[in-house]
């Protein structure tokens, strides 16, 4: 009888301890950092200092290219972006919209990206397309927005 009571108290204590240390809601930056298929995107966001922005309070929609999507970008383009951090930040900013858009919210329209550009969005049934990229995993909820994984890296139009 004594052992059952001790065991029961230990289970209650463990449950309460688990509740006390429940994780706080993750930001879009945290979601990207924790997803192994977004490690390239996470590294680039960190490199150009966008982490602080993506941990902020504003609602964000991030169209995050998968690691496989980054492998499709020509090496010459990636080398150029590595040499020019301002261009890299512009490219990454083209993947972020300062509002929360779930897949169901997407309409055939344009949205203003964080870099100031205009991103074309469209939806046909369950398929969501941003510019020329297909959303392969949608609606990963975060405390400050939503992340959608896409199959291509979006390159903004050249600025004049």
C-alpha atoms as a PDB file:
ATOM      1  CA  UNK A   1       0.000   0.000   0.000  1.00  0.00           C
ATOM      2  CA  UNK A   2       2.793   2.397   0.930  1.00  0.00           C
ATOM      3  CA  UNK A   3       4.605   1.803  -2.363  1.00  0.00           C
ATOM      4  CA  UNK A   4       1.460   2.562  -4.374  1.00  0.00           C
ATOM      5  CA  UNK A   5       0.927   5.810  -2.492  1.00  0.00           C
ATOM      6  CA  UNK A   6       4.553   6.872  -3.040  1.00  0.00           C
ATOM      7  CA  UNK A   7       4.319   5.903  -6.702  1.00  0.00           C
ATOM      8  CA  UNK A   8       1.055   7.855  -7.058  1.00  0.00           C
ATOM      9  CA  UNK A   9       2.567  10.941  -5.442  1.00  0.00           C
ATOM     10  CA  UNK A  10       5.616  10.659  -7.689  1.00  0.00           C
ATOM     11  CA  UNK A  11       3.377  10.541 -10.780  1.00  0.00           C
ATOM     12  CA  UNK A  12       1.422  13.589  -9.610  1.00  0.00           C
ATOM     13  CA  UNK A  13       4.659  15.485  -8.942  1.00  0.00           C
ATOM     14  CA  UNK A  14       6.053  14.543 -12.349  1.00  0.00           C
ATOM     15  CA  UNK A  15       2.836  15.649 -14.056  1.00  0.00           C
ATOM     16  CA  UNK A  16       2.826  18.982 -12.238  1.00  0.00           C
ATOM     17  CA  UNK A  17       6.510  19.532 -13.031  1.00  0.00           C
ATOM     18  CA  UNK A  18       5.758  18.867 -16.708  1.00  0.00           C
ATOM     19  CA  UNK A  19       3.003  21.474 -16.630  1.00  0.00           C
ATOM     20  CA  UNK A  20       5.255  24.038 -14.999  1.00  0.00           C
ATOM     21  CA  UNK A  21       7.892  23.640 -17.694  1.00  0.00           C
ATOM     22  CA  UNK A  22       5.536  23.477 -20.655  1.00  0.00           C
ATOM     23  CA  UNK A  23       7.247  25.153 -23.622  1.00  0.00           C
ATOM     24  CA  UNK A  24       6.167  28.644 -24.600  1.00  0.00           C
ATOM     25  CA  UNK A  25       4.691  29.024 -28.079  1.00  0.00           C
ATOM     26  CA  UNK A  26       7.374  29.038 -30.769  1.00  0.00           C
ATOM     27  CA  UNK A  27       7.906  31.986 -33.114  1.00  0.00           C
ATOM     28  CA  UNK A  28       8.234  31.511 -36.873  1.00  0.00           C
ATOM     29  CA  UNK A  29      12.020  31.816 -36.389  1.00  0.00           C
ATOM     30  CA  UNK A  30      11.893  29.016 -33.786  1.00  0.00           C
ATOM     31  CA  UNK A  31       9.753  26.810 -36.048  1.00  0.00           C
ATOM     32  CA  UNK A  32      12.258  27.220 -38.893  1.00  0.00           C
ATOM     33  CA  UNK A  33      15.218  26.581 -36.560  1.00  0.00           C
ATOM     34  CA  UNK A  34      13.689  23.352 -35.207  1.00  0.00           C
ATOM     35  CA  UNK A  35      12.741  21.856 -38.591  1.00  0.00           C
ATOM     36  CA  UNK A  36      15.617  19.774 -40.036  1.00  0.00           C
ATOM     37  CA  UNK A  37      14.328  20.222 -43.604  1.00  0.00           C
ATOM     38  CA  UNK A  38      14.705  24.005 -43.188  1.00  0.00           C
ATOM     39  CA  UNK A  39      18.288  24.052 -41.880  1.00  0.00           C
ATOM     40  CA  UNK A  40      19.625  25.926 -44.926  1.00  0.00           C
ATOM     41  CA  UNK A  41      16.939  28.613 -44.581  1.00  0.00           C
ATOM     42  CA  UNK A  42      17.638  28.855 -40.853  1.00  0.00           C
ATOM     43  CA  UNK A  43      21.380  29.285 -41.433  1.00  0.00           C
ATOM     44  CA  UNK A  44      20.813  32.051 -43.972  1.00  0.00           C
ATOM     45  CA  UNK A  45      18.288  33.854 -41.747  1.00  0.00           C
ATOM     46  CA  UNK A  46      20.833  33.770 -38.932  1.00  0.00           C
ATOM     47  CA  UNK A  47      23.630  34.931 -41.263  1.00  0.00           C
ATOM     48  CA  UNK A  48      21.794  38.111 -42.295  1.00  0.00           C
ATOM     49  CA  UNK A  49      20.282  38.826 -38.870  1.00  0.00           C
ATOM     50  CA  UNK A  50      16.592  38.239 -39.637  1.00  0.00           C
ATOM     51  CA  UNK A  51      16.098  36.076 -36.521  1.00  0.00           C
ATOM     52  CA  UNK A  52      15.223  39.038 -34.310  1.00  0.00           C
ATOM     53  CA  UNK A  53      12.645  40.264 -36.820  1.00  0.00           C
ATOM     54  CA  UNK A  54      11.042  36.824 -37.176  1.00  0.00           C
ATOM     55  CA  UNK A  55      10.833  36.460 -33.404  1.00  0.00           C
ATOM     56  CA  UNK A  56       8.978  39.773 -33.155  1.00  0.00           C
ATOM     57  CA  UNK A  57       5.316  40.344 -32.423  1.00  0.00           C
ATOM     58  CA  UNK A  58       4.095  41.266 -35.913  1.00  0.00           C
ATOM     59  CA  UNK A  59       2.217  38.459 -37.603  1.00  0.00           C
ATOM     60  CA  UNK A  60       4.335  36.839 -40.304  1.00  0.00           C
ATOM     61  CA  UNK A  61       3.810  34.356 -43.078  1.00  0.00           C
ATOM     62  CA  UNK A  62       7.054  32.719 -44.107  1.00  0.00           C
ATOM     63  CA  UNK A  63       7.283  30.750 -47.337  1.00  0.00           C
ATOM     64  CA  UNK A  64      10.344  28.733 -46.345  1.00  0.00           C
ATOM     65  CA  UNK A  65      12.240  26.873 -49.083  1.00  0.00           C
ATOM     66  CA  UNK A  66      13.251  23.355 -48.097  1.00  0.00           C
ATOM     67  CA  UNK A  67      16.873  22.242 -48.148  1.00  0.00           C
ATOM     68  CA  UNK A  68      16.070  20.453 -51.416  1.00  0.00           C
ATOM     69  CA  UNK A  69      14.834  23.735 -52.905  1.00  0.00           C
ATOM     70  CA  UNK A  70      18.141  25.437 -52.082  1.00  0.00           C
ATOM     71  CA  UNK A  71      20.015  22.617 -53.834  1.00  0.00           C
ATOM     72  CA  UNK A  72      18.215  23.592 -57.060  1.00  0.00           C
ATOM     73  CA  UNK A  73      19.608  27.143 -57.009  1.00  0.00           C
ATOM     74  CA  UNK A  74      22.606  27.451 -59.340  1.00  0.00           C
ATOM     75  CA  UNK A  75      25.936  27.515 -57.490  1.00  0.00           C
ATOM     76  CA  UNK A  76      26.820  30.811 -59.194  1.00  0.00           C
ATOM     77  CA  UNK A  77      23.705  32.460 -57.733  1.00  0.00           C
ATOM     78  CA  UNK A  78      24.391  31.104 -54.234  1.00  0.00           C
ATOM     79  CA  UNK A  79      28.028  32.290 -54.472  1.00  0.00           C
ATOM     80  CA  UNK A  80      26.859  35.769 -55.488  1.00  0.00           C
ATOM     81  CA  UNK A  81      24.412  35.888 -52.557  1.00  0.00           C
ATOM     82  CA  UNK A  82      27.163  34.751 -50.165  1.00  0.00           C
ATOM     83  CA  UNK A  83      29.391  37.616 -51.360  1.00  0.00           C
ATOM     84  CA  UNK A  84      26.601  40.217 -51.099  1.00  0.00           C
ATOM     85  CA  UNK A  85      24.709  39.960 -47.778  1.00  0.00           C
ATOM     86  CA  UNK A  86      22.355  42.793 -48.770  1.00  0.00           C
ATOM     87  CA  UNK A  87      21.207  40.746 -51.799  1.00  0.00           C
ATOM     88  CA  UNK A  88      20.779  37.665 -49.610  1.00  0.00           C
ATOM     89  CA  UNK A  89      18.683  39.653 -47.117  1.00  0.00           C
ATOM     90  CA  UNK A  90      16.575  40.945 -50.034  1.00  0.00           C
ATOM     91  CA  UNK A  91      16.001  37.377 -51.288  1.00  0.00           C
ATOM     92  CA  UNK A  92      15.070  36.118 -47.817  1.00  0.00           C
ATOM     93  CA  UNK A  93      12.790  39.121 -47.258  1.00  0.00           C
ATOM     94  CA  UNK A  94      10.954  38.171 -50.455  1.00  0.00           C
ATOM     95  CA  UNK A  95       9.855  34.974 -48.652  1.00  0.00           C
ATOM     96  CA  UNK A  96       8.168  36.827 -45.760  1.00  0.00           C
ATOM     97  CA  UNK A  97       4.822  38.634 -45.647  1.00  0.00           C
ATOM     98  CA  UNK A  98       3.974  40.806 -42.629  1.00  0.00           C
ATOM     99  CA  UNK A  99       0.558  39.246 -42.046  1.00  0.00           C
ATOM    100  CA  UNK A 100      -0.706  35.791 -41.141  1.00  0.00           C
ATOM    101  CA  UNK A 101      -1.971  33.844 -44.161  1.00  0.00           C
ATOM    102  CA  UNK A 102      -3.053  30.257 -43.744  1.00  0.00           C
ATOM    103  CA  UNK A 103      -3.452  28.155 -46.886  1.00  0.00           C
ATOM    104  CA  UNK A 104      -7.222  28.729 -46.679  1.00  0.00           C
ATOM    105  CA  UNK A 105      -6.643  32.521 -46.555  1.00  0.00           C
ATOM    106  CA  UNK A 106      -4.641  32.611 -49.805  1.00  0.00           C
ATOM    107  CA  UNK A 107      -6.480  34.252 -52.688  1.00  0.00           C
ATOM    108  CA  UNK A 108      -5.307  34.808 -56.240  1.00  0.00           C
ATOM    109  CA  UNK A 109      -3.615  38.136 -55.538  1.00  0.00           C
ATOM    110  CA  UNK A 110      -0.364  39.860 -54.697  1.00  0.00           C
ATOM    111  CA  UNK A 111       1.004  40.463 -51.218  1.00  0.00           C
ATOM    112  CA  UNK A 112       3.685  42.868 -50.067  1.00  0.00           C
ATOM    113  CA  UNK A 113       6.850  41.070 -48.980  1.00  0.00           C
ATOM    114  CA  UNK A 114       9.099  42.165 -46.136  1.00  0.00           C
ATOM    115  CA  UNK A 115      11.684  43.363 -48.704  1.00  0.00           C
ATOM    116  CA  UNK A 116       9.055  45.684 -50.244  1.00  0.00           C
ATOM    117  CA  UNK A 117       8.463  43.535 -53.313  1.00  0.00           C
ATOM    118  CA  UNK A 118       5.174  42.146 -54.524  1.00  0.00           C
ATOM    119  CA  UNK A 119       4.705  38.371 -54.239  1.00  0.00           C
ATOM    120  CA  UNK A 120       2.150  36.610 -56.451  1.00  0.00           C
ATOM    121  CA  UNK A 121      -0.073  34.180 -54.558  1.00  0.00           C
ATOM    122  CA  UNK A 122      -2.599  31.756 -55.980  1.00  0.00           C
ATOM    123  CA  UNK A 123      -4.664  28.826 -54.862  1.00  0.00           C
ATOM    124  CA  UNK A 124      -6.410  26.110 -56.828  1.00  0.00           C
ATOM    125  CA  UNK A 125      -8.311  23.745 -54.555  1.00  0.00           C
ATOM    126  CA  UNK A 126      -5.800  22.536 -51.974  1.00  0.00           C
ATOM    127  CA  UNK A 127      -2.774  23.683 -53.990  1.00  0.00           C
ATOM    128  CA  UNK A 128      -1.090  26.928 -52.955  1.00  0.00           C
ATOM    129  CA  UNK A 129       1.479  28.582 -55.188  1.00  0.00           C
ATOM    130  CA  UNK A 130       3.691  31.537 -54.339  1.00  0.00           C
ATOM    131  CA  UNK A 131       5.391  33.016 -57.406  1.00  0.00           C
ATOM    132  CA  UNK A 132       6.512  29.772 -59.140  1.00  0.00           C
ATOM    133  CA  UNK A 133       6.910  27.661 -55.988  1.00  0.00           C
ATOM    134  CA  UNK A 134       4.456  25.069 -54.709  1.00  0.00           C
ATOM    135  CA  UNK A 135       3.640  24.837 -51.026  1.00  0.00           C
ATOM    136  CA  UNK A 136       4.553  21.285 -50.019  1.00  0.00           C
ATOM    137  CA  UNK A 137       3.650  21.602 -46.337  1.00  0.00           C
ATOM    138  CA  UNK A 138       1.260  24.270 -45.169  1.00  0.00           C
ATOM    139  CA  UNK A 139       0.011  25.894 -42.000  1.00  0.00           C
ATOM    140  CA  UNK A 140       2.789  25.209 -39.504  1.00  0.00           C
ATOM    141  CA  UNK A 141       1.438  27.434 -36.738  1.00  0.00           C
ATOM    142  CA  UNK A 142       3.651  29.723 -34.695  1.00  0.00           C
ATOM    143  CA  UNK A 143       2.981  32.206 -31.913  1.00  0.00           C
ATOM    144  CA  UNK A 144       3.536  35.103 -34.324  1.00  0.00           C
ATOM    145  CA  UNK A 145       2.321  33.690 -37.633  1.00  0.00           C
ATOM    146  CA  UNK A 146       2.566  30.693 -39.889  1.00  0.00           C
ATOM    147  CA  UNK A 147       5.229  28.866 -41.909  1.00  0.00           C
ATOM    148  CA  UNK A 148       4.642  27.159 -45.259  1.00  0.00           C
ATOM    149  CA  UNK A 149       7.382  24.986 -46.762  1.00  0.00           C
ATOM    150  CA  UNK A 150       7.896  25.529 -50.491  1.00  0.00           C
ATOM    151  CA  UNK A 151       9.729  23.587 -53.204  1.00  0.00           C
ATOM    152  CA  UNK A 152      11.699  26.466 -54.761  1.00  0.00           C
ATOM    153  CA  UNK A 153      13.677  29.530 -53.719  1.00  0.00           C
ATOM    154  CA  UNK A 154      11.945  32.754 -54.703  1.00  0.00           C
ATOM    155  CA  UNK A 155      14.164  35.302 -56.418  1.00  0.00           C
ATOM    156  CA  UNK A 156      12.821  38.853 -56.386  1.00  0.00           C
ATOM    157  CA  UNK A 157      12.876  40.926 -59.538  1.00  0.00           C
ATOM    158  CA  UNK A 158      16.141  42.808 -60.029  1.00  0.00           C
ATOM    159  CA  UNK A 159      16.033  46.283 -58.530  1.00  0.00           C
ATOM    160  CA  UNK A 160      16.997  49.119 -60.823  1.00  0.00           C
END
